[in-house]
Amino acid sequence: MIEPMLAKLASADANLTGTWISEPKIDGQRMTAQCQENKITLWTRRHLQVAYKFPELVGALEENIKGSEWILDGELTVPGGFGNLISRNVEDEFRIKLLSLKIPATYHIFDVIQYEGEELINTPLLDRKKLLMKIVYLDERTDIVPYKEVKSPTIREHFKEYTERGFEGAILKNTESLYEPGKRTGQWLKIKKEETVDVNIIGATKSNSLPFGALIMERNGEFFGKVGTGFSDQDRRDILKLLEENKGPLKIKIPPEIESEVLISTEPLSAEIKANELIKDRSPRAPVWVRFRGD
């Protein structure tokens, strides 16, 4: 898989110079789609190949994307939001088929990385966008994220426009930006609706009466504390199931007193929390759970 390019968090008060592309921030799961040798694969940011979980999307991509070899970048959503998207994380073949009919996925495409054997990562963004418009047939399963060209934009005005229309926030990208796999640069900027902190969940602690006590957080490769509030009872059951499906060893050092409380450790899962403040950017005060993220 190709590591997706990432957007850098920006201030709403920032003013940009030059020509940029403005597009809404879709609230879903980041996914790269690839067609090679007549086989379609879907890759998450955690390097998981999940095409078999979304047969309705594979079928749509086969029909709606022109060409025999391509790599696309986009955001996957299902009706009902991210909670329902988590429920699509199943292995049973019958349930996969049932859920594909009950809560079918849509792929919101915003970039093309390769096409018909041509590497496009060194092609300017605006040219990649123009190609995308030529190769994607739009329907309820495959969509292109709408965009517009803007000169010297004020981030706040685009953020306000998109959030009023129900989107999560705004993305601004330099029209000349190249596609830099795995990098988070100032060529792509994002601003989100809520002032939240991005973290990785790496496990959960024990509880005598609940499915788990708190979620263990990591940020920038270091232990970032625990978050134990903001969950409903159903949230806790669903989250524990997700953690069990993503079991993995702890890859960072955590305090001994936390280590003795660990119920389960997992591969890092991207998430958001709210916090009153960050102390030296290392530990949050009064953290509250918001959600898992797809991007």
C-alpha atoms as a PDB file:
ATOM      1  CA  MET A   1       0.000   0.000   0.000  1.00  0.00           C
ATOM      2  CA  ILE A   2       0.976   3.667  -0.345  1.00  0.00           C
ATOM      3  CA  GLU A   3       0.983   5.620   2.901  1.00  0.00           C
ATOM      4  CA  PRO A   4      -1.650   8.364   2.626  1.00  0.00           C
ATOM      5  CA  MET A   5      -0.548  12.005   2.716  1.00  0.00           C
ATOM      6  CA  LEU A   6      -1.761  13.800   5.843  1.00  0.00           C
ATOM      7  CA  ALA A   7      -3.056  17.298   6.571  1.00  0.00           C
ATOM      8  CA  LYS A   8      -1.596  19.559   9.232  1.00  0.00           C
ATOM      9  CA  LEU A   9      -3.906  21.106  11.843  1.00  0.00           C
ATOM     10  CA  ALA A  10      -4.281  24.829  11.159  1.00  0.00           C
ATOM     11  CA  SER A  11      -5.534  27.869  13.058  1.00  0.00           C
ATOM     12  CA  ALA A  12      -8.862  29.335  11.978  1.00  0.00           C
ATOM     13  CA  ASP A  13      -7.248  32.765  11.971  1.00  0.00           C
ATOM     14  CA  ALA A  14      -4.547  31.845   9.474  1.00  0.00           C
ATOM     15  CA  ASN A  15      -4.524  33.644   6.131  1.00  0.00           C
ATOM     16  CA  LEU A  16      -2.932  31.898   3.170  1.00  0.00           C
ATOM     17  CA  THR A  17      -1.254  33.283   0.076  1.00  0.00           C
ATOM     18  CA  GLY A  18      -1.402  31.888  -3.432  1.00  0.00           C
ATOM     19  CA  THR A  19      -4.015  29.563  -4.937  1.00  0.00           C
ATOM     20  CA  TRP A  20      -5.531  26.759  -2.884  1.00  0.00           C
ATOM     21  CA  ILE A  21      -8.232  24.128  -3.159  1.00  0.00           C
ATOM     22  CA  SER A  22     -10.970  24.211  -0.526  1.00  0.00           C
ATOM     23  CA  GLU A  23     -12.981  21.084   0.232  1.00  0.00           C
ATOM     24  CA  PRO A  24     -15.166  19.794   3.090  1.00  0.00           C
ATOM     25  CA  LYS A  25     -13.696  17.476   5.713  1.00  0.00           C
ATOM     26  CA  ILE A  26     -15.610  14.196   5.486  1.00  0.00           C
ATOM     27  CA  ASP A  27     -16.198  12.366   8.773  1.00  0.00           C
ATOM     28  CA  GLY A  28     -15.345   8.765   7.931  1.00  0.00           C
ATOM     29  CA  GLN A  29     -12.425   6.341   7.637  1.00  0.00           C
ATOM     30  CA  ARG A  30      -9.434   7.173   5.458  1.00  0.00           C
ATOM     31  CA  MET A  31      -8.974   4.540   2.791  1.00  0.00           C
ATOM     32  CA  THR A  32      -6.772   4.014  -0.255  1.00  0.00           C
ATOM     33  CA  ALA A  33      -8.308   1.927  -3.032  1.00  0.00           C
ATOM     34  CA  GLN A  34      -6.160   0.052  -5.529  1.00  0.00           C
ATOM     35  CA  CYS A  35      -6.874  -1.884  -8.695  1.00  0.00           C
ATOM     36  CA  GLN A  36      -4.078  -4.092  -9.990  1.00  0.00           C
ATOM     37  CA  GLU A  37      -4.288  -7.200 -12.158  1.00  0.00           C
ATOM     38  CA  ASN A  38      -8.104  -6.967 -12.055  1.00  0.00           C
ATOM     39  CA  LYS A  39      -8.126  -7.164  -8.259  1.00  0.00           C
ATOM     40  CA  ILE A  40      -9.407  -4.344  -6.023  1.00  0.00           C
ATOM     41  CA  THR A  41      -7.985  -3.843  -2.550  1.00  0.00           C
ATOM     42  CA  LEU A  42      -8.909  -1.344   0.172  1.00  0.00           C
ATOM     43  CA  TRP A  43      -6.223  -0.297   2.641  1.00  0.00           C
ATOM     44  CA  THR A  44      -6.660   1.444   5.994  1.00  0.00           C
ATOM     45  CA  ARG A  45      -4.032   3.701   7.547  1.00  0.00           C
ATOM     46  CA  ARG A  46      -3.094   0.781   9.818  1.00  0.00           C
ATOM     47  CA  HIS A  47      -2.113  -1.303   6.764  1.00  0.00           C
ATOM     48  CA  LEU A  48      -5.180  -3.551   6.972  1.00  0.00           C
ATOM     49  CA  GLN A  49      -6.650  -4.885   3.717  1.00  0.00           C
ATOM     50  CA  VAL A  50     -10.436  -4.727   4.203  1.00  0.00           C
ATOM     51  CA  ALA A  51     -11.969  -5.078   0.733  1.00  0.00           C
ATOM     52  CA  TYR A  52     -13.686  -8.333   1.731  1.00  0.00           C
ATOM     53  CA  LYS A  53     -15.661  -6.412   4.377  1.00  0.00           C
ATOM     54  CA  PHE A  54     -17.137  -4.028   1.796  1.00  0.00           C
ATOM     55  CA  PRO A  55     -18.272  -6.154  -1.175  1.00  0.00           C
ATOM     56  CA  GLU A  56     -20.772  -3.493  -2.266  1.00  0.00           C
ATOM     57  CA  LEU A  57     -17.964  -0.956  -2.582  1.00  0.00           C
ATOM     58  CA  VAL A  58     -15.674  -3.329  -4.483  1.00  0.00           C
ATOM     59  CA  GLY A  59     -18.460  -3.928  -6.985  1.00  0.00           C
ATOM     60  CA  ALA A  60     -19.077  -0.195  -7.383  1.00  0.00           C
ATOM     61  CA  LEU A  61     -15.387   0.543  -7.939  1.00  0.00           C
ATOM     62  CA  GLU A  62     -15.195  -2.173 -10.606  1.00  0.00           C
ATOM     63  CA  GLU A  63     -18.068  -0.549 -12.469  1.00  0.00           C
ATOM     64  CA  ASN A  64     -17.469   3.144 -11.829  1.00  0.00           C
ATOM     65  CA  ILE A  65     -13.711   3.713 -12.218  1.00  0.00           C
ATOM     66  CA  LYS A  66     -12.358   3.874 -15.756  1.00  0.00           C
ATOM     67  CA  GLY A  67      -9.084   2.086 -16.382  1.00  0.00           C
ATOM     68  CA  SER A  68      -7.535  -1.204 -15.332  1.00  0.00           C
ATOM     69  CA  GLU A  69      -4.796   0.026 -12.944  1.00  0.00           C
ATOM     70  CA  TRP A  70      -5.186   2.822 -10.427  1.00  0.00           C
ATOM     71  CA  ILE A  71      -4.711   3.936  -6.827  1.00  0.00           C
ATOM     72  CA  LEU A  72      -7.209   6.350  -5.296  1.00  0.00           C
ATOM     73  CA  ASP A  73      -7.329   8.172  -1.955  1.00  0.00           C
ATOM     74  CA  GLY A  74     -10.540   8.981  -0.138  1.00  0.00           C
ATOM     75  CA  GLU A  75     -12.812   8.662   2.860  1.00  0.00           C
ATOM     76  CA  LEU A  76     -15.216   5.775   3.477  1.00  0.00           C
ATOM     77  CA  THR A  77     -18.553   6.444   5.202  1.00  0.00           C
ATOM     78  CA  VAL A  78     -21.738   4.541   6.015  1.00  0.00           C
ATOM     79  CA  PRO A  79     -25.213   5.835   6.950  1.00  0.00           C
ATOM     80  CA  GLY A  80     -25.475   6.699  10.636  1.00  0.00           C
ATOM     81  CA  GLY A  81     -21.899   7.855  11.106  1.00  0.00           C
ATOM     82  CA  PHE A  82     -18.736   6.414  12.561  1.00  0.00           C
ATOM     83  CA  GLY A  83     -20.497   4.255  15.161  1.00  0.00           C
ATOM     84  CA  ASN A  84     -22.136   2.265  12.380  1.00  0.00           C
ATOM     85  CA  LEU A  85     -18.837   2.124  10.506  1.00  0.00           C
ATOM     86  CA  ILE A  86     -17.256   0.379  13.503  1.00  0.00           C
ATOM     87  CA  SER A  87     -20.076  -2.170  13.356  1.00  0.00           C
ATOM     88  CA  ARG A  88     -18.912  -3.099   9.837  1.00  0.00           C
ATOM     89  CA  ASN A  89     -15.695  -4.465  11.354  1.00  0.00           C
ATOM     90  CA  VAL A  90     -16.840  -8.110  11.295  1.00  0.00           C
ATOM     91  CA  GLU A  91     -15.372 -11.326   9.924  1.00  0.00           C
ATOM     92  CA  ASP A  92     -18.423 -13.552   9.548  1.00  0.00           C
ATOM     93  CA  GLU A  93     -19.298 -13.875   5.846  1.00  0.00           C
ATOM     94  CA  PHE A  94     -23.066 -13.835   6.429  1.00  0.00           C
ATOM     95  CA  ARG A  95     -22.914 -10.716   8.619  1.00  0.00           C
ATOM     96  CA  ILE A  96     -20.669  -8.976   6.086  1.00  0.00           C
ATOM     97  CA  LYS A  97     -23.267  -9.579   3.373  1.00  0.00           C
ATOM     98  CA  LEU A  98     -26.140  -8.507   5.628  1.00  0.00           C
ATOM     99  CA  LEU A  99     -24.426  -5.290   6.742  1.00  0.00           C
ATOM    100  CA  SER A 100     -23.419  -4.438   3.176  1.00  0.00           C
ATOM    101  CA  LEU A 101     -27.139  -4.281   2.384  1.00  0.00           C
ATOM    102  CA  LYS A 102     -28.266  -2.686   5.647  1.00  0.00           C
ATOM    103  CA  ILE A 103     -25.598   0.030   5.986  1.00  0.00           C
ATOM    104  CA  PRO A 104     -23.782   0.179   2.622  1.00  0.00           C
ATOM    105  CA  ALA A 105     -20.564   2.151   2.297  1.00  0.00           C
ATOM    106  CA  THR A 106     -19.806   5.138   0.086  1.00  0.00           C
ATOM    107  CA  TYR A 107     -16.284   6.039  -1.034  1.00  0.00           C
ATOM    108  CA  HIS A 108     -15.684   9.796  -1.182  1.00  0.00           C
ATOM    109  CA  ILE A 109     -12.667  10.166  -3.482  1.00  0.00           C
ATOM    110  CA  PHE A 110     -10.388  13.205  -3.351  1.00  0.00           C
ATOM    111  CA  ASP A 111      -7.146  12.137  -5.034  1.00  0.00           C
ATOM    112  CA  VAL A 112      -5.610   9.814  -7.605  1.00  0.00           C
ATOM    113  CA  ILE A 113      -2.074   8.592  -6.881  1.00  0.00           C
ATOM    114  CA  GLN A 114      -1.444   6.246  -9.821  1.00  0.00           C
ATOM    115  CA  TYR A 115      -3.297   5.711 -13.087  1.00  0.00           C
ATOM    116  CA  GLU A 116      -2.699   3.203 -15.869  1.00  0.00           C
ATOM    117  CA  GLY A 117       0.906   2.616 -14.861  1.00  0.00           C
ATOM    118  CA  GLU A 118       1.745   6.301 -14.411  1.00  0.00           C
ATOM    119  CA  GLU A 119       3.016   7.467 -11.022  1.00  0.00           C
ATOM    120  CA  LEU A 120       1.271  10.728 -10.103  1.00  0.00           C
ATOM    121  CA  ILE A 121       2.800  11.656  -6.755  1.00  0.00           C
ATOM    122  CA  ASN A 122       4.974  14.292  -8.471  1.00  0.00           C
ATOM    123  CA  THR A 123       2.055  15.713 -10.459  1.00  0.00           C
ATOM    124  CA  PRO A 124       0.539  18.970  -9.081  1.00  0.00           C
ATOM    125  CA  LEU A 125      -2.688  18.518  -7.143  1.00  0.00           C
ATOM    126  CA  LEU A 126      -4.870  20.504  -9.525  1.00  0.00           C
ATOM    127  CA  ASP A 127      -3.862  18.253 -12.422  1.00  0.00           C
ATOM    128  CA  ARG A 128      -4.624  15.172 -10.327  1.00  0.00           C
ATOM    129  CA  LYS A 129      -8.052  16.605  -9.511  1.00  0.00           C
ATOM    130  CA  LYS A 130      -8.799  17.194 -13.193  1.00  0.00           C
ATOM    131  CA  LEU A 131      -7.871  13.600 -14.019  1.00  0.00           C
ATOM    132  CA  LEU A 132     -10.079  12.343 -11.190  1.00  0.00           C
ATOM    133  CA  MET A 133     -13.095  14.102 -12.692  1.00  0.00           C
ATOM    134  CA  LYS A 134     -12.545  12.183 -15.951  1.00  0.00           C
ATOM    135  CA  ILE A 135     -12.189   8.677 -14.532  1.00  0.00           C
ATOM    136  CA  VAL A 136     -14.894   8.415 -11.842  1.00  0.00           C
ATOM    137  CA  TYR A 137     -18.549   7.730 -12.563  1.00  0.00           C
ATOM    138  CA  LEU A 138     -20.585   9.189  -9.705  1.00  0.00           C
ATOM    139  CA  ASP A 139     -23.326   7.257  -7.948  1.00  0.00           C
ATOM    140  CA  GLU A 140     -24.438   6.472  -4.397  1.00  0.00           C
ATOM    141  CA  ARG A 141     -21.380   4.257  -3.753  1.00  0.00           C
ATOM    142  CA  THR A 142     -18.623   6.278  -5.465  1.00  0.00           C
ATOM    143  CA  ASP A 143     -18.464  10.022  -5.021  1.00  0.00           C
ATOM    144  CA  ILE A 144     -15.894  12.772  -5.596  1.00  0.00           C
ATOM    145  CA  VAL A 145     -15.347  15.199  -2.724  1.00  0.00           C
ATOM    146  CA  PRO A 146     -16.421  18.630  -4.083  1.00  0.00           C
ATOM    147  CA  TYR A 147     -13.750  21.300  -4.257  1.00  0.00           C
ATOM    148  CA  LYS A 148     -13.201  24.844  -5.464  1.00  0.00           C
ATOM    149  CA  GLU A 149     -10.171  26.952  -6.258  1.00  0.00           C
ATOM    150  CA  VAL A 150      -9.652  29.975  -3.994  1.00  0.00           C
ATOM    151  CA  LYS A 151      -6.992  32.689  -3.962  1.00  0.00           C
ATOM    152  CA  SER A 152      -5.352  33.774  -0.686  1.00  0.00           C
ATOM    153  CA  PRO A 153      -8.118  32.162   1.377  1.00  0.00           C
ATOM    154  CA  THR A 154      -9.022  32.900   4.987  1.00  0.00           C
ATOM    155  CA  ILE A 155      -9.372  29.521   6.684  1.00  0.00           C
ATOM    156  CA  ARG A 156     -12.161  30.691   9.000  1.00  0.00           C
ATOM    157  CA  GLU A 157     -14.585  31.522   6.166  1.00  0.00           C
ATOM    158  CA  HIS A 158     -14.278  28.067   4.626  1.00  0.00           C
ATOM    159  CA  PHE A 159     -14.542  26.387   8.022  1.00  0.00           C
ATOM    160  CA  LYS A 160     -17.757  28.333   8.717  1.00  0.00           C
ATOM    161  CA  GLU A 161     -19.216  27.492   5.315  1.00  0.00           C
ATOM    162  CA  TYR A 162     -18.625  23.759   5.577  1.00  0.00           C
ATOM    163  CA  THR A 163     -19.654  23.311   9.216  1.00  0.00           C
ATOM    164  CA  GLU A 164     -22.914  25.170   8.521  1.00  0.00           C
ATOM    165  CA  ARG A 165     -23.544  22.594   5.801  1.00  0.00           C
ATOM    166  CA  GLY A 166     -23.029  19.758   8.304  1.00  0.00           C
ATOM    167  CA  PHE A 167     -19.456  18.746   7.529  1.00  0.00           C
ATOM    168  CA  GLU A 168     -16.797  18.054  10.170  1.00  0.00           C
ATOM    169  CA  GLY A 169     -14.580  20.938   9.077  1.00  0.00           C
ATOM    170  CA  ALA A 170     -12.538  22.227   6.152  1.00  0.00           C
ATOM    171  CA  ILE A 171      -9.471  21.075   4.223  1.00  0.00           C
ATOM    172  CA  LEU A 172      -7.294  23.480   2.243  1.00  0.00           C
ATOM    173  CA  LYS A 173      -4.622  22.219  -0.145  1.00  0.00           C
ATOM    174  CA  ASN A 174      -2.094  24.112  -2.225  1.00  0.00           C
ATOM    175  CA  THR A 175      -2.987  23.633  -5.904  1.00  0.00           C
ATOM    176  CA  GLU A 176       0.687  22.959  -6.706  1.00  0.00           C
ATOM    177  CA  SER A 177       1.191  20.458  -3.884  1.00  0.00           C
ATOM    178  CA  LEU A 178       2.677  17.089  -4.765  1.00  0.00           C
ATOM    179  CA  TYR A 179       1.468  13.898  -3.104  1.00  0.00           C
ATOM    180  CA  GLU A 180       3.911  13.145  -0.267  1.00  0.00           C
ATOM    181  CA  PRO A 181       3.088   9.675   1.102  1.00  0.00           C
ATOM    182  CA  GLY A 182       3.038   9.445   4.882  1.00  0.00           C
ATOM    183  CA  LYS A 183       3.948  13.099   5.425  1.00  0.00           C
ATOM    184  CA  ARG A 184       1.992  15.802   7.231  1.00  0.00           C
ATOM    185  CA  THR A 185       3.000  19.096   5.630  1.00  0.00           C
ATOM    186  CA  GLY A 186       1.816  22.679   5.454  1.00  0.00           C
ATOM    187  CA  GLN A 187       0.732  22.054   1.855  1.00  0.00           C
ATOM    188  CA  TRP A 188      -2.425  20.375   3.158  1.00  0.00           C
ATOM    189  CA  LEU A 189      -4.203  22.033   6.098  1.00  0.00           C
ATOM    190  CA  LYS A 190      -7.256  21.051   8.116  1.00  0.00           C
ATOM    191  CA  ILE A 191      -9.487  22.648  10.720  1.00  0.00           C
ATOM    192  CA  LYS A 192     -12.014  20.609  12.698  1.00  0.00           C
ATOM    193  CA  LYS A 193     -15.389  21.508  14.188  1.00  0.00           C
ATOM    194  CA  GLU A 194     -14.461  20.627  17.754  1.00  0.00           C
ATOM    195  CA  GLU A 195     -11.281  21.560  19.491  1.00  0.00           C
ATOM    196  CA  THR A 196     -10.106  18.072  20.230  1.00  0.00           C
ATOM    197  CA  VAL A 197      -6.793  16.330  20.748  1.00  0.00           C
ATOM    198  CA  ASP A 198      -5.673  13.534  18.435  1.00  0.00           C
ATOM    199  CA  VAL A 199      -4.376  10.483  20.306  1.00  0.00           C
ATOM    200  CA  ASN A 200      -3.785   6.776  19.772  1.00  0.00           C
ATOM    201  CA  ILE A 201      -5.542   4.220  21.958  1.00  0.00           C
ATOM    202  CA  ILE A 202      -3.151   1.418  22.841  1.00  0.00           C
ATOM    203  CA  GLY A 203      -5.156  -0.548  25.400  1.00  0.00           C
ATOM    204  CA  ALA A 204      -7.572  -0.504  28.307  1.00  0.00           C
ATOM    205  CA  THR A 205      -7.430  -0.955  32.065  1.00  0.00           C
ATOM    206  CA  LYS A 206      -9.338  -3.397  34.257  1.00  0.00           C
ATOM    207  CA  SER A 207     -12.615  -2.715  36.067  1.00  0.00           C
ATOM    208  CA  ASN A 208     -14.549  -4.724  38.644  1.00  0.00           C
ATOM    209  CA  SER A 209     -17.962  -3.800  37.260  1.00  0.00           C
ATOM    210  CA  LEU A 210     -17.504  -2.424  33.730  1.00  0.00           C
ATOM    211  CA  PRO A 211     -16.144  -3.942  30.490  1.00  0.00           C
ATOM    212  CA  PHE A 212     -13.041  -1.781  31.062  1.00  0.00           C
ATOM    213  CA  GLY A 213     -11.998   1.019  33.374  1.00  0.00           C
ATOM    214  CA  ALA A 214     -10.267   3.508  31.080  1.00  0.00           C
ATOM    215  CA  LEU A 215      -8.549   3.638  27.711  1.00  0.00           C
ATOM    216  CA  ILE A 216      -4.768   4.012  27.656  1.00  0.00           C
ATOM    217  CA  MET A 217      -3.506   6.766  25.367  1.00  0.00           C
ATOM    218  CA  GLU A 218      -0.322   7.402  23.422  1.00  0.00           C
ATOM    219  CA  ARG A 219       0.696  10.592  21.624  1.00  0.00           C
ATOM    220  CA  ASN A 220       3.873  11.320  19.677  1.00  0.00           C
ATOM    221  CA  GLY A 221       5.350   7.998  20.762  1.00  0.00           C
ATOM    222  CA  GLU A 222       4.870   8.593  24.511  1.00  0.00           C
ATOM    223  CA  PHE A 223       2.370   7.580  27.180  1.00  0.00           C
ATOM    224  CA  PHE A 224      -0.377  10.221  27.281  1.00  0.00           C
ATOM    225  CA  GLY A 225      -2.487   9.157  30.244  1.00  0.00           C
ATOM    226  CA  LYS A 226      -5.926   7.525  30.466  1.00  0.00           C
ATOM    227  CA  VAL A 227      -9.432   8.568  29.482  1.00  0.00           C
ATOM    228  CA  GLY A 228     -12.243   7.042  31.517  1.00  0.00           C
ATOM    229  CA  THR A 229     -15.263   9.298  30.953  1.00  0.00           C
ATOM    230  CA  GLY A 230     -17.556  10.056  28.035  1.00  0.00           C
ATOM    231  CA  PHE A 231     -18.648   6.441  27.387  1.00  0.00           C
ATOM    232  CA  SER A 232     -22.143   4.966  27.499  1.00  0.00           C
ATOM    233  CA  ASP A 233     -22.529   1.354  28.641  1.00  0.00           C
ATOM    234  CA  GLN A 234     -23.006   0.302  25.018  1.00  0.00           C
ATOM    235  CA  ASP A 235     -19.930   2.320  24.018  1.00  0.00           C
ATOM    236  CA  ARG A 236     -17.844   0.358  26.484  1.00  0.00           C
ATOM    237  CA  ARG A 237     -19.051  -2.994  25.139  1.00  0.00           C
ATOM    238  CA  ASP A 238     -18.476  -1.938  21.525  1.00  0.00           C
ATOM    239  CA  ILE A 239     -15.047  -0.493  22.269  1.00  0.00           C
ATOM    240  CA  LEU A 240     -13.871  -3.576  24.139  1.00  0.00           C
ATOM    241  CA  LYS A 241     -14.924  -5.712  21.174  1.00  0.00           C
ATOM    242  CA  LEU A 242     -12.927  -3.450  18.846  1.00  0.00           C
ATOM    243  CA  LEU A 243      -9.874  -3.679  21.114  1.00  0.00           C
ATOM    244  CA  GLU A 244     -10.119  -7.466  21.185  1.00  0.00           C
ATOM    245  CA  GLU A 245     -10.186  -7.509  17.370  1.00  0.00           C
ATOM    246  CA  ASN A 246      -7.014  -5.408  17.256  1.00  0.00           C
ATOM    247  CA  LYS A 247      -4.920  -7.037  19.981  1.00  0.00           C
ATOM    248  CA  GLY A 248      -1.227  -6.308  19.906  1.00  0.00           C
ATOM    249  CA  PRO A 249       1.759  -5.807  22.204  1.00  0.00           C
ATOM    250  CA  LEU A 250       2.431  -2.518  23.968  1.00  0.00           C
ATOM    251  CA  LYS A 251       5.051  -0.705  21.915  1.00  0.00           C
ATOM    252  CA  ILE A 252       5.810   2.148  24.316  1.00  0.00           C
ATOM    253  CA  LYS A 253       6.840   2.365  27.934  1.00  0.00           C
ATOM    254  CA  ILE A 254       4.010   3.070  30.377  1.00  0.00           C
ATOM    255  CA  PRO A 255       4.209   3.786  34.128  1.00  0.00           C
ATOM    256  CA  PRO A 256       4.486   0.633  36.287  1.00  0.00           C
ATOM    257  CA  GLU A 257       1.271   1.450  38.143  1.00  0.00           C
ATOM    258  CA  ILE A 258      -0.603   1.550  34.828  1.00  0.00           C
ATOM    259  CA  GLU A 259       1.118  -1.565  33.535  1.00  0.00           C
ATOM    260  CA  SER A 260      -0.267  -3.549  36.463  1.00  0.00           C
ATOM    261  CA  GLU A 261      -3.815  -2.423  35.560  1.00  0.00           C
ATOM    262  CA  VAL A 262      -3.731  -3.389  31.877  1.00  0.00           C
ATOM    263  CA  LEU A 263      -6.691  -5.487  30.761  1.00  0.00           C
ATOM    264  CA  ILE A 264      -5.794  -5.585  27.068  1.00  0.00           C
ATOM    265  CA  SER A 265      -3.214  -3.994  24.766  1.00  0.00           C
ATOM    266  CA  THR A 266      -3.788  -3.237  21.093  1.00  0.00           C
ATOM    267  CA  GLU A 267      -2.303  -1.958  17.913  1.00  0.00           C
ATOM    268  CA  PRO A 268      -2.609   1.880  17.962  1.00  0.00           C
ATOM    269  CA  LEU A 269      -6.139   3.050  17.142  1.00  0.00           C
ATOM    270  CA  SER A 270      -6.543   6.689  16.128  1.00  0.00           C
ATOM    271  CA  ALA A 271      -9.007   8.611  18.318  1.00  0.00           C
ATOM    272  CA  GLU A 272     -10.040  12.024  19.626  1.00  0.00           C
ATOM    273  CA  ILE A 273     -10.530  13.316  23.161  1.00  0.00           C
ATOM    274  CA  LYS A 274     -11.494  16.633  24.700  1.00  0.00           C
ATOM    275  CA  ALA A 275      -9.366  18.060  27.503  1.00  0.00           C
ATOM    276  CA  ASN A 276      -9.465  21.186  29.637  1.00  0.00           C
ATOM    277  CA  GLU A 277      -5.780  21.754  28.988  1.00  0.00           C
ATOM    278  CA  LEU A 278      -2.561  20.005  28.082  1.00  0.00           C
ATOM    279  CA  ILE A 279       0.235  20.104  30.625  1.00  0.00           C
ATOM    280  CA  LYS A 280       3.496  20.649  28.730  1.00  0.00           C
ATOM    281  CA  ASP A 281       1.783  18.950  25.786  1.00  0.00           C
ATOM    282  CA  ARG A 282       2.246  15.610  27.515  1.00  0.00           C
ATOM    283  CA  SER A 283      -0.775  14.853  29.684  1.00  0.00           C
ATOM    284  CA  PRO A 284      -4.371  16.031  29.388  1.00  0.00           C
ATOM    285  CA  ARG A 285      -6.317  17.419  32.335  1.00  0.00           C
ATOM    286  CA  ALA A 286      -9.848  16.018  32.745  1.00  0.00           C
ATOM    287  CA  PRO A 287      -9.913  14.152  29.396  1.00  0.00           C
ATOM    288  CA  VAL A 288     -13.295  13.146  27.944  1.00  0.00           C
ATOM    289  CA  TRP A 289     -13.777  10.537  25.241  1.00  0.00           C
ATOM    290  CA  VAL A 290     -15.027  11.769  21.863  1.00  0.00           C
ATOM    291  CA  ARG A 291     -14.627   8.980  19.315  1.00  0.00           C
ATOM    292  CA  PHE A 292     -12.386   6.760  17.271  1.00  0.00           C
ATOM    293  CA  ARG A 293     -11.164   8.326  14.038  1.00  0.00           C
ATOM    294  CA  GLY A 294     -10.872   6.765  10.540  1.00  0.00           C
ATOM    295  CA  ASP A 295      -8.249   9.164   9.308  1.00  0.00           C
END
